[in-house]
Amino acid sequence: MSNTKLKPLYLMDIFRELTDEEHRLTVPDLVEELQRRGVRAERKGIYRDIDALIEYGADIRKTGAGYYLSGREFTHSELRAMALAVKSAEFLSERRTAELTGKIGAFGGAYMGKKLIRGGMAARKSPNDETLNAIDMLDRAVAARRQVTFSYERTREATPRRYRVSPYGLMFIKGICCLACNIEGREDLSCIPVHRMRQLRTDMSPWRHFSEVSEYRGEFLLEDFAAKAIKNEIWEDVLC
């Protein structure tokens, strides 16, 4: 059997995973669940542990049918919104979508998690995690204020061209993840779809400050630029 000092932690896991307003556990149920996890428990100790968890701040409710965890980190509607966002993200692969949806569902417990996983928005999915990896690399380049280079699949050319850009931020425009940046050799801002980037590399060269190529000064206003990119349709394919 596991160390009984960890029993309150295991007990909290059980409340998170197996209880909600419609699914409650009695003290004998809790004892049985703890034993399944290799933790020795007695009824009197369970009552003390529940009181301690409540004192710590856990929103555990008692009813005639047993105990359940009421308050959670996220509401059902918030979890549903996150699950729908993941399912509709085209840059995620089927495998990564399933993994992330499962993790989101875990915040709601086993029963709510099943509801979150089922159904949702249908979306075309990426065959791999290349775009997701590119987003991670671009995020780090923006934070480090470093230039990046990449090959770009132009719609009118068979051979991709290599570009160097100063990245300022990532944004979603009509479901497409785009990079706000300045292309080396130009005096303006561009908005480039990330899913067309290939062989992405971080350059050690410092980026060009956005104040040199835009009206933004102390801060790059990503939301403002996204609105202008949509209005002027510069997001569709600036390199085509």
C-alpha atoms as a PDB file:
ATOM      1  CA  MET A   1       0.000   0.000   0.000  1.00  0.00           C
ATOM      2  CA  SER A   2       1.132   3.584  -0.710  1.00  0.00           C
ATOM      3  CA  ASN A   3       2.078   5.968   2.060  1.00  0.00           C
ATOM      4  CA  THR A   4      -1.113   7.063   3.822  1.00  0.00           C
ATOM      5  CA  LYS A   5       0.354  10.567   4.188  1.00  0.00           C
ATOM      6  CA  LEU A   6      -0.563  11.066   0.528  1.00  0.00           C
ATOM      7  CA  LYS A   7      -4.156   9.974   1.094  1.00  0.00           C
ATOM      8  CA  PRO A   8      -5.677  13.495   0.942  1.00  0.00           C
ATOM      9  CA  LEU A   9      -4.009  14.078  -2.424  1.00  0.00           C
ATOM     10  CA  TYR A  10      -5.348  10.816  -3.811  1.00  0.00           C
ATOM     11  CA  LEU A  11      -8.745  11.674  -2.379  1.00  0.00           C
ATOM     12  CA  MET A  12      -8.744  15.022  -4.179  1.00  0.00           C
ATOM     13  CA  ASP A  13      -7.845  13.257  -7.435  1.00  0.00           C
ATOM     14  CA  ILE A  14     -10.862  10.978  -6.966  1.00  0.00           C
ATOM     15  CA  PHE A  15     -13.165  13.939  -6.405  1.00  0.00           C
ATOM     16  CA  ARG A  16     -11.835  15.648  -9.542  1.00  0.00           C
ATOM     17  CA  GLU A  17     -12.023  12.571 -11.739  1.00  0.00           C
ATOM     18  CA  LEU A  18     -15.161  10.773 -10.595  1.00  0.00           C
ATOM     19  CA  THR A  19     -17.586  13.261  -9.095  1.00  0.00           C
ATOM     20  CA  ASP A  20     -19.773  16.133 -10.186  1.00  0.00           C
ATOM     21  CA  GLU A  21     -23.269  17.356  -9.344  1.00  0.00           C
ATOM     22  CA  GLU A  22     -24.811  14.304 -11.003  1.00  0.00           C
ATOM     23  CA  HIS A  23     -22.247  11.747  -9.805  1.00  0.00           C
ATOM     24  CA  ARG A  24     -21.528  11.451  -6.077  1.00  0.00           C
ATOM     25  CA  LEU A  25     -19.547   9.081  -3.927  1.00  0.00           C
ATOM     26  CA  THR A  26     -20.281   7.850  -0.430  1.00  0.00           C
ATOM     27  CA  VAL A  27     -17.558   7.338   2.162  1.00  0.00           C
ATOM     28  CA  PRO A  28     -17.483   3.551   1.486  1.00  0.00           C
ATOM     29  CA  ASP A  29     -17.137   4.387  -2.227  1.00  0.00           C
ATOM     30  CA  LEU A  30     -14.194   6.664  -1.448  1.00  0.00           C
ATOM     31  CA  VAL A  31     -12.537   4.000   0.674  1.00  0.00           C
ATOM     32  CA  GLU A  32     -12.913   1.514  -2.170  1.00  0.00           C
ATOM     33  CA  GLU A  33     -11.495   3.943  -4.739  1.00  0.00           C
ATOM     34  CA  LEU A  34      -8.503   4.667  -2.528  1.00  0.00           C
ATOM     35  CA  GLN A  35      -7.833   0.968  -2.093  1.00  0.00           C
ATOM     36  CA  ARG A  36      -7.896   0.534  -5.875  1.00  0.00           C
ATOM     37  CA  ARG A  37      -5.120   3.092  -6.032  1.00  0.00           C
ATOM     38  CA  GLY A  38      -3.108   1.277  -3.416  1.00  0.00           C
ATOM     39  CA  VAL A  39      -3.934   3.558  -0.477  1.00  0.00           C
ATOM     40  CA  ARG A  40      -5.116   2.114   2.831  1.00  0.00           C
ATOM     41  CA  ALA A  41      -8.058   4.070   4.254  1.00  0.00           C
ATOM     42  CA  GLU A  42     -10.668   3.912   7.016  1.00  0.00           C
ATOM     43  CA  ARG A  43     -14.027   5.651   7.245  1.00  0.00           C
ATOM     44  CA  LYS A  44     -13.054   7.895  10.178  1.00  0.00           C
ATOM     45  CA  GLY A  45      -9.937   9.037   8.360  1.00  0.00           C
ATOM     46  CA  ILE A  46     -11.939   9.901   5.238  1.00  0.00           C
ATOM     47  CA  TYR A  47     -14.125  12.334   7.177  1.00  0.00           C
ATOM     48  CA  ARG A  48     -11.037  14.059   8.581  1.00  0.00           C
ATOM     49  CA  ASP A  49      -9.439  14.256   5.134  1.00  0.00           C
ATOM     50  CA  ILE A  50     -12.587  15.727   3.585  1.00  0.00           C
ATOM     51  CA  ASP A  51     -12.763  18.365   6.322  1.00  0.00           C
ATOM     52  CA  ALA A  52      -9.102  19.200   5.727  1.00  0.00           C
ATOM     53  CA  LEU A  53      -9.645  19.552   1.981  1.00  0.00           C
ATOM     54  CA  ILE A  54     -12.638  21.819   2.556  1.00  0.00           C
ATOM     55  CA  GLU A  55     -10.613  23.914   4.986  1.00  0.00           C
ATOM     56  CA  TYR A  56      -7.897  24.171   2.345  1.00  0.00           C
ATOM     57  CA  GLY A  57     -10.434  25.557  -0.126  1.00  0.00           C
ATOM     58  CA  ALA A  58     -11.831  22.580  -2.053  1.00  0.00           C
ATOM     59  CA  ASP A  59     -15.506  23.088  -2.893  1.00  0.00           C
ATOM     60  CA  ILE A  60     -16.654  19.634  -1.781  1.00  0.00           C
ATOM     61  CA  ARG A  61     -20.400  19.344  -1.173  1.00  0.00           C
ATOM     62  CA  LYS A  62     -22.259  16.773   0.917  1.00  0.00           C
ATOM     63  CA  THR A  63     -25.724  15.491   0.026  1.00  0.00           C
ATOM     64  CA  GLY A  64     -27.848  12.536   1.005  1.00  0.00           C
ATOM     65  CA  ALA A  65     -26.402  10.619  -1.956  1.00  0.00           C
ATOM     66  CA  GLY A  66     -22.782  11.303  -1.051  1.00  0.00           C
ATOM     67  CA  TYR A  67     -20.009  13.806  -1.691  1.00  0.00           C
ATOM     68  CA  TYR A  68     -19.024  15.585  -4.893  1.00  0.00           C
ATOM     69  CA  LEU A  69     -16.677  18.318  -6.087  1.00  0.00           C
ATOM     70  CA  SER A  70     -18.653  21.384  -7.087  1.00  0.00           C
ATOM     71  CA  GLY A  71     -16.152  24.145  -7.840  1.00  0.00           C
ATOM     72  CA  ARG A  72     -13.578  23.546 -10.599  1.00  0.00           C
ATOM     73  CA  GLU A  73     -10.904  25.523 -12.363  1.00  0.00           C
ATOM     74  CA  PHE A  74     -13.129  25.937 -15.435  1.00  0.00           C
ATOM     75  CA  THR A  75     -16.870  25.901 -16.030  1.00  0.00           C
ATOM     76  CA  HIS A  76     -18.455  23.474 -18.483  1.00  0.00           C
ATOM     77  CA  SER A  77     -18.980  26.255 -21.040  1.00  0.00           C
ATOM     78  CA  GLU A  78     -15.333  27.350 -20.741  1.00  0.00           C
ATOM     79  CA  LEU A  79     -14.090  23.796 -21.233  1.00  0.00           C
ATOM     80  CA  ARG A  80     -16.475  23.366 -24.160  1.00  0.00           C
ATOM     81  CA  ALA A  81     -15.145  26.532 -25.782  1.00  0.00           C
ATOM     82  CA  MET A  82     -11.542  25.336 -25.413  1.00  0.00           C
ATOM     83  CA  ALA A  83     -12.385  21.892 -26.798  1.00  0.00           C
ATOM     84  CA  LEU A  84     -14.171  23.427 -29.800  1.00  0.00           C
ATOM     85  CA  ALA A  85     -11.209  25.722 -30.457  1.00  0.00           C
ATOM     86  CA  VAL A  86      -8.843  22.748 -30.476  1.00  0.00           C
ATOM     87  CA  LYS A  87     -11.112  20.702 -32.733  1.00  0.00           C
ATOM     88  CA  SER A  88     -11.489  23.531 -35.227  1.00  0.00           C
ATOM     89  CA  ALA A  89      -7.749  24.359 -35.377  1.00  0.00           C
ATOM     90  CA  GLU A  90      -6.562  23.193 -38.790  1.00  0.00           C
ATOM     91  CA  PHE A  91      -2.862  23.397 -37.860  1.00  0.00           C
ATOM     92  CA  LEU A  92      -3.290  20.575 -35.328  1.00  0.00           C
ATOM     93  CA  SER A  93      -2.990  16.954 -36.392  1.00  0.00           C
ATOM     94  CA  GLU A  94      -5.661  14.386 -35.527  1.00  0.00           C
ATOM     95  CA  ARG A  95      -3.361  12.840 -32.940  1.00  0.00           C
ATOM     96  CA  ARG A  96      -2.531  16.148 -31.246  1.00  0.00           C
ATOM     97  CA  THR A  97      -6.192  17.189 -31.348  1.00  0.00           C
ATOM     98  CA  ALA A  98      -7.200  14.012 -29.514  1.00  0.00           C
ATOM     99  CA  GLU A  99      -4.433  14.506 -26.931  1.00  0.00           C
ATOM    100  CA  LEU A 100      -5.327  18.123 -26.201  1.00  0.00           C
ATOM    101  CA  THR A 101      -9.063  17.464 -26.103  1.00  0.00           C
ATOM    102  CA  GLY A 102      -8.445  14.684 -23.593  1.00  0.00           C
ATOM    103  CA  LYS A 103      -6.366  16.985 -21.395  1.00  0.00           C
ATOM    104  CA  ILE A 104      -9.042  19.667 -21.509  1.00  0.00           C
ATOM    105  CA  GLY A 105     -11.696  17.099 -20.656  1.00  0.00           C
ATOM    106  CA  ALA A 106      -9.711  15.984 -17.615  1.00  0.00           C
ATOM    107  CA  PHE A 107     -10.364  19.361 -15.992  1.00  0.00           C
ATOM    108  CA  GLY A 108     -14.065  18.529 -15.978  1.00  0.00           C
ATOM    109  CA  GLY A 109     -13.769  14.976 -14.680  1.00  0.00           C
ATOM    110  CA  ALA A 110     -14.476  11.657 -16.355  1.00  0.00           C
ATOM    111  CA  TYR A 111     -18.144  12.251 -17.085  1.00  0.00           C
ATOM    112  CA  MET A 112     -17.943  15.812 -18.339  1.00  0.00           C
ATOM    113  CA  GLY A 113     -14.787  14.903 -20.239  1.00  0.00           C
ATOM    114  CA  LYS A 114     -16.652  12.327 -22.311  1.00  0.00           C
ATOM    115  CA  LYS A 115     -19.222  14.954 -23.308  1.00  0.00           C
ATOM    116  CA  LEU A 116     -16.479  17.365 -24.326  1.00  0.00           C
ATOM    117  CA  ILE A 117     -14.681  14.813 -26.464  1.00  0.00           C
ATOM    118  CA  ARG A 118     -17.812  13.802 -28.363  1.00  0.00           C
ATOM    119  CA  GLY A 119     -19.133  15.986 -31.157  1.00  0.00           C
ATOM    120  CA  GLY A 120     -17.951  19.476 -31.960  1.00  0.00           C
ATOM    121  CA  MET A 121     -16.891  21.308 -35.070  1.00  0.00           C
ATOM    122  CA  ALA A 122     -15.550  19.407 -38.045  1.00  0.00           C
ATOM    123  CA  ALA A 123     -12.346  20.789 -39.534  1.00  0.00           C
ATOM    124  CA  ARG A 124      -9.666  19.747 -41.946  1.00  0.00           C
ATOM    125  CA  LYS A 125      -6.657  18.589 -39.966  1.00  0.00           C
ATOM    126  CA  SER A 126      -2.940  18.864 -40.575  1.00  0.00           C
ATOM    127  CA  PRO A 127      -1.203  15.587 -41.486  1.00  0.00           C
ATOM    128  CA  ASN A 128       1.560  16.351 -38.954  1.00  0.00           C
ATOM    129  CA  ASP A 129       2.688  18.783 -36.267  1.00  0.00           C
ATOM    130  CA  GLU A 130       4.933  20.843 -38.548  1.00  0.00           C
ATOM    131  CA  THR A 131       2.826  24.001 -38.233  1.00  0.00           C
ATOM    132  CA  LEU A 132       2.487  23.592 -34.472  1.00  0.00           C
ATOM    133  CA  ASN A 133       6.263  23.272 -34.173  1.00  0.00           C
ATOM    134  CA  ALA A 134       6.684  26.339 -36.369  1.00  0.00           C
ATOM    135  CA  ILE A 135       4.374  28.334 -34.085  1.00  0.00           C
ATOM    136  CA  ASP A 136       6.478  27.358 -31.083  1.00  0.00           C
ATOM    137  CA  MET A 137       9.691  28.390 -32.827  1.00  0.00           C
ATOM    138  CA  LEU A 138       8.196  31.703 -33.974  1.00  0.00           C
ATOM    139  CA  ASP A 139       6.945  32.462 -30.469  1.00  0.00           C
ATOM    140  CA  ARG A 140      10.469  32.030 -29.140  1.00  0.00           C
ATOM    141  CA  ALA A 141      11.919  34.179 -31.924  1.00  0.00           C
ATOM    142  CA  VAL A 142       9.448  36.993 -31.156  1.00  0.00           C
ATOM    143  CA  ALA A 143      10.326  36.840 -27.448  1.00  0.00           C
ATOM    144  CA  ALA A 144      14.069  36.871 -28.224  1.00  0.00           C
ATOM    145  CA  ARG A 145      13.695  39.567 -30.897  1.00  0.00           C
ATOM    146  CA  ARG A 146      15.557  37.460 -33.437  1.00  0.00           C
ATOM    147  CA  GLN A 147      15.090  37.206 -37.172  1.00  0.00           C
ATOM    148  CA  VAL A 148      13.925  33.951 -38.759  1.00  0.00           C
ATOM    149  CA  THR A 149      14.436  32.454 -42.184  1.00  0.00           C
ATOM    150  CA  PHE A 150      12.192  30.040 -44.054  1.00  0.00           C
ATOM    151  CA  SER A 151      11.300  28.667 -47.442  1.00  0.00           C
ATOM    152  CA  TYR A 152       7.839  29.679 -48.627  1.00  0.00           C
ATOM    153  CA  GLU A 153       5.562  27.752 -50.966  1.00  0.00           C
ATOM    154  CA  ARG A 154       4.464  30.323 -53.517  1.00  0.00           C
ATOM    155  CA  THR A 155       1.296  29.533 -55.376  1.00  0.00           C
ATOM    156  CA  ARG A 156       2.716  30.493 -58.768  1.00  0.00           C
ATOM    157  CA  GLU A 157       6.165  28.925 -58.523  1.00  0.00           C
ATOM    158  CA  ALA A 158       7.240  25.315 -58.231  1.00  0.00           C
ATOM    159  CA  THR A 159      10.421  26.125 -56.298  1.00  0.00           C
ATOM    160  CA  PRO A 160      10.058  27.697 -52.829  1.00  0.00           C
ATOM    161  CA  ARG A 161      11.961  30.902 -52.177  1.00  0.00           C
ATOM    162  CA  ARG A 162      13.980  31.607 -49.035  1.00  0.00           C
ATOM    163  CA  TYR A 163      13.018  34.644 -46.929  1.00  0.00           C
ATOM    164  CA  ARG A 164      14.394  36.412 -43.873  1.00  0.00           C
ATOM    165  CA  VAL A 165      11.941  38.304 -41.657  1.00  0.00           C
ATOM    166  CA  SER A 166      11.730  40.177 -38.371  1.00  0.00           C
ATOM    167  CA  PRO A 167       8.798  38.588 -36.488  1.00  0.00           C
ATOM    168  CA  TYR A 168       6.472  40.685 -34.312  1.00  0.00           C
ATOM    169  CA  GLY A 169       3.640  38.320 -33.351  1.00  0.00           C
ATOM    170  CA  LEU A 170       1.256  35.542 -34.310  1.00  0.00           C
ATOM    171  CA  MET A 171      -2.455  35.935 -34.978  1.00  0.00           C
ATOM    172  CA  PHE A 172      -5.391  33.997 -36.362  1.00  0.00           C
ATOM    173  CA  ILE A 173      -7.162  35.534 -39.332  1.00  0.00           C
ATOM    174  CA  LYS A 174     -10.239  33.706 -40.581  1.00  0.00           C
ATOM    175  CA  GLY A 175      -8.962  30.484 -39.084  1.00  0.00           C
ATOM    176  CA  ILE A 176      -5.449  30.817 -40.528  1.00  0.00           C
ATOM    177  CA  CYS A 177      -2.426  31.287 -38.264  1.00  0.00           C
ATOM    178  CA  CYS A 178      -0.333  34.164 -39.647  1.00  0.00           C
ATOM    179  CA  LEU A 179       2.930  35.838 -38.710  1.00  0.00           C
ATOM    180  CA  ALA A 180       3.072  39.633 -38.483  1.00  0.00           C
ATOM    181  CA  CYS A 181       6.543  40.599 -39.638  1.00  0.00           C
ATOM    182  CA  ASN A 182       8.809  42.730 -41.778  1.00  0.00           C
ATOM    183  CA  ILE A 183      10.368  41.025 -44.786  1.00  0.00           C
ATOM    184  CA  GLU A 184      14.034  41.909 -45.221  1.00  0.00           C
ATOM    185  CA  GLY A 185      14.447  44.515 -47.941  1.00  0.00           C
ATOM    186  CA  ARG A 186      10.934  45.953 -47.529  1.00  0.00           C
ATOM    187  CA  GLU A 187       9.703  49.016 -45.655  1.00  0.00           C
ATOM    188  CA  ASP A 188       6.326  47.768 -44.512  1.00  0.00           C
ATOM    189  CA  LEU A 189       4.574  45.072 -42.511  1.00  0.00           C
ATOM    190  CA  SER A 190       3.529  41.712 -43.893  1.00  0.00           C
ATOM    191  CA  CYS A 191       1.162  39.012 -42.708  1.00  0.00           C
ATOM    192  CA  ILE A 192       2.335  35.550 -43.756  1.00  0.00           C
ATOM    193  CA  PRO A 193       0.405  32.252 -43.360  1.00  0.00           C
ATOM    194  CA  VAL A 194       2.515  29.978 -41.159  1.00  0.00           C
ATOM    195  CA  HIS A 195       1.319  26.726 -42.729  1.00  0.00           C
ATOM    196  CA  ARG A 196       3.195  27.571 -45.945  1.00  0.00           C
ATOM    197  CA  MET A 197       6.528  28.056 -44.219  1.00  0.00           C
ATOM    198  CA  ARG A 198       9.089  25.301 -44.599  1.00  0.00           C
ATOM    199  CA  GLN A 199      12.592  24.712 -43.164  1.00  0.00           C
ATOM    200  CA  LEU A 200      12.085  27.397 -40.527  1.00  0.00           C
ATOM    201  CA  ARG A 201      15.270  28.537 -38.797  1.00  0.00           C
ATOM    202  CA  THR A 202      15.981  31.069 -36.057  1.00  0.00           C
ATOM    203  CA  ASP A 203      18.657  33.563 -37.057  1.00  0.00           C
ATOM    204  CA  MET A 204      21.098  35.047 -34.543  1.00  0.00           C
ATOM    205  CA  SER A 205      20.652  38.460 -36.148  1.00  0.00           C
ATOM    206  CA  PRO A 206      18.564  40.942 -34.109  1.00  0.00           C
ATOM    207  CA  TRP A 207      15.200  41.816 -35.578  1.00  0.00           C
ATOM    208  CA  ARG A 208      14.411  45.158 -37.175  1.00  0.00           C
ATOM    209  CA  HIS A 209      12.331  47.220 -34.779  1.00  0.00           C
ATOM    210  CA  PHE A 210       8.727  47.587 -35.880  1.00  0.00           C
ATOM    211  CA  SER A 211       8.854  51.384 -35.364  1.00  0.00           C
ATOM    212  CA  GLU A 212      11.084  51.562 -38.443  1.00  0.00           C
ATOM    213  CA  VAL A 213       8.469  49.996 -40.730  1.00  0.00           C
ATOM    214  CA  SER A 214       5.123  50.910 -39.131  1.00  0.00           C
ATOM    215  CA  GLU A 215       3.230  53.535 -37.169  1.00  0.00           C
ATOM    216  CA  TYR A 216       3.609  51.501 -33.956  1.00  0.00           C
ATOM    217  CA  ARG A 217       6.123  52.823 -31.463  1.00  0.00           C
ATOM    218  CA  GLY A 218       6.436  51.543 -27.903  1.00  0.00           C
ATOM    219  CA  GLU A 219       4.304  48.448 -28.466  1.00  0.00           C
ATOM    220  CA  PHE A 220       3.320  46.404 -31.501  1.00  0.00           C
ATOM    221  CA  LEU A 221      -0.492  46.422 -31.449  1.00  0.00           C
ATOM    222  CA  LEU A 222      -1.178  42.943 -32.809  1.00  0.00           C
ATOM    223  CA  GLU A 223      -4.976  43.166 -32.651  1.00  0.00           C
ATOM    224  CA  ASP A 224      -4.953  46.497 -34.480  1.00  0.00           C
ATOM    225  CA  PHE A 225      -2.691  45.148 -37.201  1.00  0.00           C
ATOM    226  CA  ALA A 226      -4.852  42.017 -37.560  1.00  0.00           C
ATOM    227  CA  ALA A 227      -7.917  44.198 -38.128  1.00  0.00           C
ATOM    228  CA  LYS A 228      -6.068  46.198 -40.779  1.00  0.00           C
ATOM    229  CA  ALA A 229      -4.756  43.027 -42.413  1.00  0.00           C
ATOM    230  CA  ILE A 230      -8.306  41.709 -42.761  1.00  0.00           C
ATOM    231  CA  LYS A 231      -9.647  45.032 -44.039  1.00  0.00           C
ATOM    232  CA  ASN A 232      -6.896  45.419 -46.635  1.00  0.00           C
ATOM    233  CA  GLU A 233      -6.762  41.664 -47.423  1.00  0.00           C
ATOM    234  CA  ILE A 234      -2.991  41.575 -47.055  1.00  0.00           C
ATOM    235  CA  TRP A 235      -3.214  38.331 -45.087  1.00  0.00           C
ATOM    236  CA  GLU A 236      -4.320  36.101 -47.965  1.00  0.00           C
ATOM    237  CA  ASP A 237      -0.945  35.534 -49.607  1.00  0.00           C
ATOM    238  CA  VAL A 238       1.464  38.471 -49.617  1.00  0.00           C
ATOM    239  CA  LEU A 239       4.207  36.432 -51.267  1.00  0.00           C
ATOM    240  CA  CYS A 240       2.203  34.935 -54.124  1.00  0.00           C
END
